[in-house]
Amino acid sequence: TSPRDIEQVLALVGLSDRRNARVRT
């Protein structure tokens, strides 16, 4: 119901530069 902002999560886990990469890659 109250998720954390997706961009913040990407930054926290260091995946902002891989945001559009397929998981399998």
mmCIF file of all heavy atoms, coordinates in Angstrom:
data_MODEL
# 
_entry.id   MODEL 
# 
loop_
_atom_site.group_PDB 
_atom_site.id 
_atom_site.type_symbol 
_atom_site.label_atom_id 
_atom_site.label_alt_id 
_atom_site.label_comp_id 
_atom_site.label_asym_id 
_atom_site.label_entity_id 
_atom_site.label_seq_id 
_atom_site.pdbx_PDB_ins_code 
_atom_site.Cartn_x 
_atom_site.Cartn_y 
_atom_site.Cartn_z 
_atom_site.occupancy 
_atom_site.B_iso_or_equiv 
_atom_site.pdbx_formal_charge 
_atom_site.auth_seq_id 
_atom_site.auth_comp_id 
_atom_site.auth_asym_id 
_atom_site.auth_atom_id 
_atom_site.pdbx_PDB_model_num 
ATOM 1   N N   . THR A 1 1  ? 0.811  -1.213  0.000   1.00 0.00 ? 1  THR A N   1 
ATOM 2   C CA  . THR A 1 1  ? 0.000  0.000   0.000   1.00 0.00 ? 1  THR A CA  1 
ATOM 3   C C   . THR A 1 1  ? 0.846  1.266   0.000   1.00 0.00 ? 1  THR A C   1 
ATOM 4   O O   . THR A 1 1  ? 0.437  2.290   -0.542  1.00 0.00 ? 1  THR A O   1 
ATOM 5   C CB  . THR A 1 1  ? -0.929 0.025   1.231   1.00 0.00 ? 1  THR A CB  1 
ATOM 6   O OG1 . THR A 1 1  ? -0.142 -0.098  2.419   1.00 0.00 ? 1  THR A OG1 1 
ATOM 7   C CG2 . THR A 1 1  ? -1.931 -1.123  1.159   1.00 0.00 ? 1  THR A CG2 1 
ATOM 8   N N   . SER A 1 2  ? 2.050  1.207   0.602   1.00 0.00 ? 2  SER A N   1 
ATOM 9   C CA  . SER A 1 2  ? 2.919  2.394   0.665   1.00 0.00 ? 2  SER A CA  1 
ATOM 10  C C   . SER A 1 2  ? 4.346  2.008   0.308   1.00 0.00 ? 2  SER A C   1 
ATOM 11  O O   . SER A 1 2  ? 5.256  2.028   1.159   1.00 0.00 ? 2  SER A O   1 
ATOM 12  C CB  . SER A 1 2  ? 2.871  3.015   2.063   1.00 0.00 ? 2  SER A CB  1 
ATOM 13  O OG  . SER A 1 2  ? 1.560  3.388   2.418   1.00 0.00 ? 2  SER A OG  1 
ATOM 14  N N   . PRO A 1 3  ? 4.604  1.647   -0.946  1.00 0.00 ? 3  PRO A N   1 
ATOM 15  C CA  . PRO A 1 3  ? 5.954  1.203   -1.327  1.00 0.00 ? 3  PRO A CA  1 
ATOM 16  C C   . PRO A 1 3  ? 6.952  2.347   -1.346  1.00 0.00 ? 3  PRO A C   1 
ATOM 17  O O   . PRO A 1 3  ? 6.589  3.524   -1.419  1.00 0.00 ? 3  PRO A O   1 
ATOM 18  C CB  . PRO A 1 3  ? 5.735  0.640   -2.738  1.00 0.00 ? 3  PRO A CB  1 
ATOM 19  C CG  . PRO A 1 3  ? 4.569  1.405   -3.272  1.00 0.00 ? 3  PRO A CG  1 
ATOM 20  C CD  . PRO A 1 3  ? 3.666  1.643   -2.078  1.00 0.00 ? 3  PRO A CD  1 
ATOM 21  N N   . ARG A 1 4  ? 8.224  1.971   -1.274  1.00 0.00 ? 4  ARG A N   1 
ATOM 22  C CA  . ARG A 1 4  ? 9.297  2.949   -1.400  1.00 0.00 ? 4  ARG A CA  1 
ATOM 23  C C   . ARG A 1 4  ? 9.432  3.346   -2.871  1.00 0.00 ? 4  ARG A C   1 
ATOM 24  O O   . ARG A 1 4  ? 9.141  2.556   -3.777  1.00 0.00 ? 4  ARG A O   1 
ATOM 25  C CB  . ARG A 1 4  ? 10.609 2.325   -0.902  1.00 0.00 ? 4  ARG A CB  1 
ATOM 26  C CG  . ARG A 1 4  ? 11.762 3.310   -0.737  1.00 0.00 ? 4  ARG A CG  1 
ATOM 27  C CD  . ARG A 1 4  ? 13.053 2.584   -0.362  1.00 0.00 ? 4  ARG A CD  1 
ATOM 28  N NE  . ARG A 1 4  ? 12.945 1.918   0.917   1.00 0.00 ? 4  ARG A NE  1 
ATOM 29  C CZ  . ARG A 1 4  ? 13.240 2.469   2.082   1.00 0.00 ? 4  ARG A CZ  1 
ATOM 30  N NH1 . ARG A 1 4  ? 13.651 3.721   2.131   1.00 0.00 ? 4  ARG A NH1 1 
ATOM 31  N NH2 . ARG A 1 4  ? 13.126 1.778   3.194   1.00 0.00 ? 4  ARG A NH2 1 
ATOM 32  N N   . ASP A 1 5  ? 9.850  4.567   -3.126  1.00 0.00 ? 5  ASP A N   1 
ATOM 33  C CA  . ASP A 1 5  ? 10.043 5.047   -4.490  1.00 0.00 ? 5  ASP A CA  1 
ATOM 34  C C   . ASP A 1 5  ? 11.020 4.145   -5.249  1.00 0.00 ? 5  ASP A C   1 
ATOM 35  O O   . ASP A 1 5  ? 12.096 3.816   -4.737  1.00 0.00 ? 5  ASP A O   1 
ATOM 36  C CB  . ASP A 1 5  ? 10.572 6.484   -4.461  1.00 0.00 ? 5  ASP A CB  1 
ATOM 37  C CG  . ASP A 1 5  ? 10.828 7.033   -5.842  1.00 0.00 ? 5  ASP A CG  1 
ATOM 38  O OD1 . ASP A 1 5  ? 9.856  7.373   -6.523  1.00 0.00 ? 5  ASP A OD1 1 
ATOM 39  O OD2 . ASP A 1 5  ? 12.017 7.095   -6.227  1.00 0.00 ? 5  ASP A OD2 1 
ATOM 40  N N   . ILE A 1 6  ? 10.646 3.726   -6.447  1.00 0.00 ? 6  ILE A N   1 
ATOM 41  C CA  . ILE A 1 6  ? 11.447 2.772   -7.226  1.00 0.00 ? 6  ILE A CA  1 
ATOM 42  C C   . ILE A 1 6  ? 12.834 3.323   -7.523  1.00 0.00 ? 6  ILE A C   1 
ATOM 43  O O   . ILE A 1 6  ? 13.838 2.599   -7.430  1.00 0.00 ? 6  ILE A O   1 
ATOM 44  C CB  . ILE A 1 6  ? 10.734 2.400   -8.544  1.00 0.00 ? 6  ILE A CB  1 
ATOM 45  C CG1 . ILE A 1 6  ? 9.408  1.701   -8.265  1.00 0.00 ? 6  ILE A CG1 1 
ATOM 46  C CG2 . ILE A 1 6  ? 11.633 1.505   -9.409  1.00 0.00 ? 6  ILE A CG2 1 
ATOM 47  C CD1 . ILE A 1 6  ? 9.543  0.387   -7.528  1.00 0.00 ? 6  ILE A CD1 1 
ATOM 48  N N   . GLU A 1 7  ? 12.912 4.587   -7.883  1.00 0.00 ? 7  GLU A N   1 
ATOM 49  C CA  . GLU A 1 7  ? 14.215 5.175   -8.198  1.00 0.00 ? 7  GLU A CA  1 
ATOM 50  C C   . GLU A 1 7  ? 15.117 5.186   -6.963  1.00 0.00 ? 7  GLU A C   1 
ATOM 51  O O   . GLU A 1 7  ? 16.331 4.992   -7.065  1.00 0.00 ? 7  GLU A O   1 
ATOM 52  C CB  . GLU A 1 7  ? 14.043 6.594   -8.745  1.00 0.00 ? 7  GLU A CB  1 
ATOM 53  C CG  . GLU A 1 7  ? 13.276 6.666   -10.053 1.00 0.00 ? 7  GLU A CG  1 
ATOM 54  C CD  . GLU A 1 7  ? 13.893 5.797   -11.153 1.00 0.00 ? 7  GLU A CD  1 
ATOM 55  O OE1 . GLU A 1 7  ? 15.132 5.723   -11.225 1.00 0.00 ? 7  GLU A OE1 1 
ATOM 56  O OE2 . GLU A 1 7  ? 13.116 5.195   -11.926 1.00 0.00 ? 7  GLU A OE2 1 
ATOM 57  N N   . GLN A 1 8  ? 14.528 5.393   -5.791  1.00 0.00 ? 8  GLN A N   1 
ATOM 58  C CA  . GLN A 1 8  ? 15.312 5.359   -4.561  1.00 0.00 ? 8  GLN A CA  1 
ATOM 59  C C   . GLN A 1 8  ? 15.822 3.948   -4.302  1.00 0.00 ? 8  GLN A C   1 
ATOM 60  O O   . GLN A 1 8  ? 16.984 3.761   -3.890  1.00 0.00 ? 8  GLN A O   1 
ATOM 61  C CB  . GLN A 1 8  ? 14.471 5.827   -3.372  1.00 0.00 ? 8  GLN A CB  1 
ATOM 62  C CG  . GLN A 1 8  ? 15.268 5.904   -2.070  1.00 0.00 ? 8  GLN A CG  1 
ATOM 63  C CD  . GLN A 1 8  ? 14.402 6.224   -0.866  1.00 0.00 ? 8  GLN A CD  1 
ATOM 64  O OE1 . GLN A 1 8  ? 13.246 5.849   -0.816  1.00 0.00 ? 8  GLN A OE1 1 
ATOM 65  N NE2 . GLN A 1 8  ? 14.976 6.917   0.114   1.00 0.00 ? 8  GLN A NE2 1 
ATOM 66  N N   . VAL A 1 9  ? 14.983 2.945   -4.542  1.00 0.00 ? 9  VAL A N   1 
ATOM 67  C CA  . VAL A 1 9  ? 15.409 1.551   -4.355  1.00 0.00 ? 9  VAL A CA  1 
ATOM 68  C C   . VAL A 1 9  ? 16.558 1.224   -5.302  1.00 0.00 ? 9  VAL A C   1 
ATOM 69  O O   . VAL A 1 9  ? 17.563 0.618   -4.894  1.00 0.00 ? 9  VAL A O   1 
ATOM 70  C CB  . VAL A 1 9  ? 14.230 0.586   -4.577  1.00 0.00 ? 9  VAL A CB  1 
ATOM 71  C CG1 . VAL A 1 9  ? 14.713 -0.867  -4.530  1.00 0.00 ? 9  VAL A CG1 1 
ATOM 72  C CG2 . VAL A 1 9  ? 13.155 0.808   -3.534  1.00 0.00 ? 9  VAL A CG2 1 
ATOM 73  N N   . LEU A 1 10 ? 16.432 1.622   -6.563  1.00 0.00 ? 10 LEU A N   1 
ATOM 74  C CA  . LEU A 1 10 ? 17.495 1.373   -7.533  1.00 0.00 ? 10 LEU A CA  1 
ATOM 75  C C   . LEU A 1 10 ? 18.811 1.997   -7.071  1.00 0.00 ? 10 LEU A C   1 
ATOM 76  O O   . LEU A 1 10 ? 19.877 1.378   -7.179  1.00 0.00 ? 10 LEU A O   1 
ATOM 77  C CB  . LEU A 1 10 ? 17.100 1.929   -8.905  1.00 0.00 ? 10 LEU A CB  1 
ATOM 78  C CG  . LEU A 1 10 ? 16.030 1.155   -9.678  1.00 0.00 ? 10 LEU A CG  1 
ATOM 79  C CD1 . LEU A 1 10 ? 15.511 1.980   -10.843 1.00 0.00 ? 10 LEU A CD1 1 
ATOM 80  C CD2 . LEU A 1 10 ? 16.577 -0.177  -10.168 1.00 0.00 ? 10 LEU A CD2 1 
ATOM 81  N N   . ALA A 1 11 ? 18.731 3.214   -6.545  1.00 0.00 ? 11 ALA A N   1 
ATOM 82  C CA  . ALA A 1 11 ? 19.939 3.883   -6.072  1.00 0.00 ? 11 ALA A CA  1 
ATOM 83  C C   . ALA A 1 11 ? 20.502 3.192   -4.836  1.00 0.00 ? 11 ALA A C   1 
ATOM 84  O O   . ALA A 1 11 ? 21.727 3.016   -4.715  1.00 0.00 ? 11 ALA A O   1 
ATOM 85  C CB  . ALA A 1 11 ? 19.632 5.348   -5.769  1.00 0.00 ? 11 ALA A CB  1 
ATOM 86  N N   . LEU A 1 12 ? 19.634 2.784   -3.925  1.00 0.00 ? 12 LEU A N   1 
ATOM 87  C CA  . LEU A 1 12 ? 20.093 2.141   -2.699  1.00 0.00 ? 12 LEU A CA  1 
ATOM 88  C C   . LEU A 1 12 ? 20.860 0.853   -2.981  1.00 0.00 ? 12 LEU A C   1 
ATOM 89  O O   . LEU A 1 12 ? 21.847 0.549   -2.311  1.00 0.00 ? 12 LEU A O   1 
ATOM 90  C CB  . LEU A 1 12 ? 18.897 1.836   -1.787  1.00 0.00 ? 12 LEU A CB  1 
ATOM 91  C CG  . LEU A 1 12 ? 18.347 2.997   -0.950  1.00 0.00 ? 12 LEU A CG  1 
ATOM 92  C CD1 . LEU A 1 12 ? 17.039 2.600   -0.299  1.00 0.00 ? 12 LEU A CD1 1 
ATOM 93  C CD2 . LEU A 1 12 ? 19.358 3.427   0.108   1.00 0.00 ? 12 LEU A CD2 1 
ATOM 94  N N   . VAL A 1 13 ? 20.407 0.082   -3.967  1.00 0.00 ? 13 VAL A N   1 
ATOM 95  C CA  . VAL A 1 13 ? 21.054 -1.208  -4.242  1.00 0.00 ? 13 VAL A CA  1 
ATOM 96  C C   . VAL A 1 13 ? 22.061 -1.126  -5.383  1.00 0.00 ? 13 VAL A C   1 
ATOM 97  O O   . VAL A 1 13 ? 22.620 -2.148  -5.802  1.00 0.00 ? 13 VAL A O   1 
ATOM 98  C CB  . VAL A 1 13 ? 19.999 -2.301  -4.543  1.00 0.00 ? 13 VAL A CB  1 
ATOM 99  C CG1 . VAL A 1 13 ? 19.077 -2.480  -3.359  1.00 0.00 ? 13 VAL A CG1 1 
ATOM 100 C CG2 . VAL A 1 13 ? 19.196 -1.995  -5.804  1.00 0.00 ? 13 VAL A CG2 1 
ATOM 101 N N   . GLY A 1 14 ? 22.314 0.080   -5.886  1.00 0.00 ? 14 GLY A N   1 
ATOM 102 C CA  . GLY A 1 14 ? 23.350 0.260   -6.902  1.00 0.00 ? 14 GLY A CA  1 
ATOM 103 C C   . GLY A 1 14 ? 23.015 -0.308  -8.268  1.00 0.00 ? 14 GLY A C   1 
ATOM 104 O O   . GLY A 1 14 ? 23.901 -0.783  -8.980  1.00 0.00 ? 14 GLY A O   1 
ATOM 105 N N   . LEU A 1 15 ? 21.739 -0.216  -8.669  1.00 0.00 ? 15 LEU A N   1 
ATOM 106 C CA  . LEU A 1 15 ? 21.332 -0.766  -9.969  1.00 0.00 ? 15 LEU A CA  1 
ATOM 107 C C   . LEU A 1 15 ? 20.701 0.291   -10.876 1.00 0.00 ? 15 LEU A C   1 
ATOM 108 O O   . LEU A 1 15 ? 20.047 -0.061  -11.858 1.00 0.00 ? 15 LEU A O   1 
ATOM 109 C CB  . LEU A 1 15 ? 20.350 -1.924  -9.771  1.00 0.00 ? 15 LEU A CB  1 
ATOM 110 C CG  . LEU A 1 15 ? 20.951 -3.242  -9.264  1.00 0.00 ? 15 LEU A CG  1 
ATOM 111 C CD1 . LEU A 1 15 ? 19.850 -4.261  -9.005  1.00 0.00 ? 15 LEU A CD1 1 
ATOM 112 C CD2 . LEU A 1 15 ? 21.970 -3.807  -10.252 1.00 0.00 ? 15 LEU A CD2 1 
ATOM 113 N N   . SER A 1 16 ? 20.912 1.558   -10.580 1.00 0.00 ? 16 SER A N   1 
ATOM 114 C CA  . SER A 1 16 ? 20.312 2.607   -11.409 1.00 0.00 ? 16 SER A CA  1 
ATOM 115 C C   . SER A 1 16 ? 20.768 2.504   -12.859 1.00 0.00 ? 16 SER A C   1 
ATOM 116 O O   . SER A 1 16 ? 19.970 2.692   -13.789 1.00 0.00 ? 16 SER A O   1 
ATOM 117 C CB  . SER A 1 16 ? 20.663 3.994   -10.848 1.00 0.00 ? 16 SER A CB  1 
ATOM 118 O OG  . SER A 1 16 ? 20.092 4.189   -9.570  1.00 0.00 ? 16 SER A OG  1 
ATOM 119 N N   . ASP A 1 17 ? 22.046 2.170   -13.048 1.00 0.00 ? 17 ASP A N   1 
ATOM 120 C CA  . ASP A 1 17 ? 22.573 2.093   -14.408 1.00 0.00 ? 17 ASP A CA  1 
ATOM 121 C C   . ASP A 1 17 ? 22.167 0.806   -15.123 1.00 0.00 ? 17 ASP A C   1 
ATOM 122 O O   . ASP A 1 17 ? 22.420 0.657   -16.326 1.00 0.00 ? 17 ASP A O   1 
ATOM 123 C CB  . ASP A 1 17 ? 24.097 2.225   -14.408 1.00 0.00 ? 17 ASP A CB  1 
ATOM 124 C CG  . ASP A 1 17 ? 24.779 1.121   -13.621 1.00 0.00 ? 17 ASP A CG  1 
ATOM 125 O OD1 . ASP A 1 17 ? 24.111 0.501   -12.764 1.00 0.00 ? 17 ASP A OD1 1 
ATOM 126 O OD2 . ASP A 1 17 ? 25.982 0.877   -13.850 1.00 0.00 ? 17 ASP A OD2 1 
ATOM 127 N N   . ARG A 1 18 ? 21.531 -0.124  -14.407 1.00 0.00 ? 18 ARG A N   1 
ATOM 128 C CA  . ARG A 1 18 ? 21.081 -1.379  -15.007 1.00 0.00 ? 18 ARG A CA  1 
ATOM 129 C C   . ARG A 1 18 ? 19.565 -1.500  -14.949 1.00 0.00 ? 18 ARG A C   1 
ATOM 130 O O   . ARG A 1 18 ? 19.017 -2.591  -15.096 1.00 0.00 ? 18 ARG A O   1 
ATOM 131 C CB  . ARG A 1 18 ? 21.718 -2.561  -14.256 1.00 0.00 ? 18 ARG A CB  1 
ATOM 132 C CG  . ARG A 1 18 ? 23.240 -2.577  -14.256 1.00 0.00 ? 18 ARG A CG  1 
ATOM 133 C CD  . ARG A 1 18 ? 23.790 -2.896  -15.623 1.00 0.00 ? 18 ARG A CD  1 
ATOM 134 N NE  . ARG A 1 18 ? 23.615 -4.304  -15.945 1.00 0.00 ? 18 ARG A NE  1 
ATOM 135 C CZ  . ARG A 1 18 ? 23.682 -4.798  -17.185 1.00 0.00 ? 18 ARG A CZ  1 
ATOM 136 N NH1 . ARG A 1 18 ? 23.857 -3.986  -18.208 1.00 0.00 ? 18 ARG A NH1 1 
ATOM 137 N NH2 . ARG A 1 18 ? 23.544 -6.092  -17.401 1.00 0.00 ? 18 ARG A NH2 1 
ATOM 138 N N   . ARG A 1 19 ? 18.900 -0.379  -14.786 1.00 0.00 ? 19 ARG A N   1 
ATOM 139 C CA  . ARG A 1 19 ? 17.452 -0.399  -14.551 1.00 0.00 ? 19 ARG A CA  1 
ATOM 140 C C   . ARG A 1 19 ? 16.680 -1.081  -15.682 1.00 0.00 ? 19 ARG A C   1 
ATOM 141 O O   . ARG A 1 19 ? 15.651 -1.710  -15.436 1.00 0.00 ? 19 ARG A O   1 
ATOM 142 C CB  . ARG A 1 19 ? 16.922 1.026   -14.324 1.00 0.00 ? 19 ARG A CB  1 
ATOM 143 C CG  . ARG A 1 19 ? 17.028 1.933   -15.526 1.00 0.00 ? 19 ARG A CG  1 
ATOM 144 C CD  . ARG A 1 19 ? 16.739 3.400   -15.208 1.00 0.00 ? 19 ARG A CD  1 
ATOM 145 N NE  . ARG A 1 19 ? 15.607 3.624   -14.348 1.00 0.00 ? 19 ARG A NE  1 
ATOM 146 C CZ  . ARG A 1 19 ? 14.343 3.658   -14.751 1.00 0.00 ? 19 ARG A CZ  1 
ATOM 147 N NH1 . ARG A 1 19 ? 14.070 3.413   -16.037 1.00 0.00 ? 19 ARG A NH1 1 
ATOM 148 N NH2 . ARG A 1 19 ? 13.376 3.902   -13.904 1.00 0.00 ? 19 ARG A NH2 1 
ATOM 149 N N   . ASN A 1 20 ? 17.149 -0.954  -16.922 1.00 0.00 ? 20 ASN A N   1 
ATOM 150 C CA  . ASN A 1 20 ? 16.426 -1.527  -18.067 1.00 0.00 ? 20 ASN A CA  1 
ATOM 151 C C   . ASN A 1 20 ? 16.995 -2.855  -18.540 1.00 0.00 ? 20 ASN A C   1 
ATOM 152 O O   . ASN A 1 20 ? 16.525 -3.407  -19.537 1.00 0.00 ? 20 ASN A O   1 
ATOM 153 C CB  . ASN A 1 20 ? 16.415 -0.520  -19.217 1.00 0.00 ? 20 ASN A CB  1 
ATOM 154 C CG  . ASN A 1 20 ? 15.630 0.737   -18.871 1.00 0.00 ? 20 ASN A CG  1 
ATOM 155 O OD1 . ASN A 1 20 ? 14.537 0.648   -18.311 1.00 0.00 ? 20 ASN A OD1 1 
ATOM 156 N ND2 . ASN A 1 20 ? 16.191 1.904   -19.177 1.00 0.00 ? 20 ASN A ND2 1 
ATOM 157 N N   . ALA A 1 21 ? 18.004 -3.366  -17.844 1.00 0.00 ? 21 ALA A N   1 
ATOM 158 C CA  . ALA A 1 21 ? 18.595 -4.653  -18.224 1.00 0.00 ? 21 ALA A CA  1 
ATOM 159 C C   . ALA A 1 21 ? 17.672 -5.797  -17.818 1.00 0.00 ? 21 ALA A C   1 
ATOM 160 O O   . ALA A 1 21 ? 17.012 -5.755  -16.774 1.00 0.00 ? 21 ALA A O   1 
ATOM 161 C CB  . ALA A 1 21 ? 19.946 -4.824  -17.553 1.00 0.00 ? 21 ALA A CB  1 
ATOM 162 N N   . ARG A 1 22 ? 17.614 -6.850  -18.660 1.00 0.00 ? 22 ARG A N   1 
ATOM 163 C CA  . ARG A 1 22 ? 16.832 -8.038  -18.334 1.00 0.00 ? 22 ARG A CA  1 
ATOM 164 C C   . ARG A 1 22 ? 17.519 -8.787  -17.195 1.00 0.00 ? 22 ARG A C   1 
ATOM 165 O O   . ARG A 1 22 ? 18.750 -8.883  -17.140 1.00 0.00 ? 22 ARG A O   1 
ATOM 166 C CB  . ARG A 1 22 ? 16.692 -8.943  -19.545 1.00 0.00 ? 22 ARG A CB  1 
ATOM 167 C CG  . ARG A 1 22 ? 16.013 -8.284  -20.740 1.00 0.00 ? 22 ARG A CG  1 
ATOM 168 C CD  . ARG A 1 22 ? 14.583 -7.920  -20.451 1.00 0.00 ? 22 ARG A CD  1 
ATOM 169 N NE  . ARG A 1 22 ? 13.987 -7.152  -21.539 1.00 0.00 ? 22 ARG A NE  1 
ATOM 170 C CZ  . ARG A 1 22 ? 12.792 -6.568  -21.475 1.00 0.00 ? 22 ARG A CZ  1 
ATOM 171 N NH1 . ARG A 1 22 ? 12.079 -6.673  -20.358 1.00 0.00 ? 22 ARG A NH1 1 
ATOM 172 N NH2 . ARG A 1 22 ? 12.322 -5.862  -22.488 1.00 0.00 ? 22 ARG A NH2 1 
ATOM 173 N N   . VAL A 1 23 ? 16.721 -9.327  -16.295 1.00 0.00 ? 23 VAL A N   1 
ATOM 174 C CA  . VAL A 1 23 ? 17.274 -10.029 -15.139 1.00 0.00 ? 23 VAL A CA  1 
ATOM 175 C C   . VAL A 1 23 ? 18.217 -11.139 -15.570 1.00 0.00 ? 23 VAL A C   1 
ATOM 176 O O   . VAL A 1 23 ? 19.269 -11.361 -14.965 1.00 0.00 ? 23 VAL A O   1 
ATOM 177 C CB  . VAL A 1 23 ? 16.132 -10.587 -14.262 1.00 0.00 ? 23 VAL A CB  1 
ATOM 178 C CG1 . VAL A 1 23 ? 16.682 -11.488 -13.171 1.00 0.00 ? 23 VAL A CG1 1 
ATOM 179 C CG2 . VAL A 1 23 ? 15.328 -9.443  -13.656 1.00 0.00 ? 23 VAL A CG2 1 
ATOM 180 N N   . ARG A 1 24 ? 17.889 -11.842 -16.668 1.00 0.00 ? 24 ARG A N   1 
ATOM 181 C CA  . ARG A 1 24 ? 18.703 -12.980 -17.099 1.00 0.00 ? 24 ARG A CA  1 
ATOM 182 C C   . ARG A 1 24 ? 20.099 -12.565 -17.552 1.00 0.00 ? 24 ARG A C   1 
ATOM 183 O O   . ARG A 1 24 ? 21.009 -13.399 -17.632 1.00 0.00 ? 24 ARG A O   1 
ATOM 184 C CB  . ARG A 1 24 ? 18.000 -13.725 -18.232 1.00 0.00 ? 24 ARG A CB  1 
ATOM 185 C CG  . ARG A 1 24 ? 17.736 -12.896 -19.469 1.00 0.00 ? 24 ARG A CG  1 
ATOM 186 C CD  . ARG A 1 24 ? 17.022 -13.688 -20.569 1.00 0.00 ? 24 ARG A CD  1 
ATOM 187 N NE  . ARG A 1 24 ? 16.619 -12.854 -21.666 1.00 0.00 ? 24 ARG A NE  1 
ATOM 188 C CZ  . ARG A 1 24 ? 17.410 -12.430 -22.631 1.00 0.00 ? 24 ARG A CZ  1 
ATOM 189 N NH1 . ARG A 1 24 ? 18.687 -12.794 -22.632 1.00 0.00 ? 24 ARG A NH1 1 
ATOM 190 N NH2 . ARG A 1 24 ? 16.947 -11.666 -23.600 1.00 0.00 ? 24 ARG A NH2 1 
ATOM 191 N N   . THR A 1 25 ? 20.295 -11.276 -17.853 1.00 0.00 ? 25 THR A N   1 
ATOM 192 C CA  . THR A 1 25 ? 21.601 -10.817 -18.332 1.00 0.00 ? 25 THR A CA  1 
ATOM 193 C C   . THR A 1 25 ? 22.512 -10.355 -17.197 1.00 0.00 ? 25 THR A C   1 
ATOM 194 O O   . THR A 1 25 ? 23.665 -10.015 -17.442 1.00 0.00 ? 25 THR A O   1 
ATOM 195 C CB  . THR A 1 25 ? 21.438 -9.659  -19.323 1.00 0.00 ? 25 THR A CB  1 
ATOM 196 O OG1 . THR A 1 25 ? 20.926 -8.496  -18.632 1.00 0.00 ? 25 THR A OG1 1 
ATOM 197 C CG2 . THR A 1 25 ? 20.482 -10.029 -20.453 1.00 0.00 ? 25 THR A CG2 1 
# 
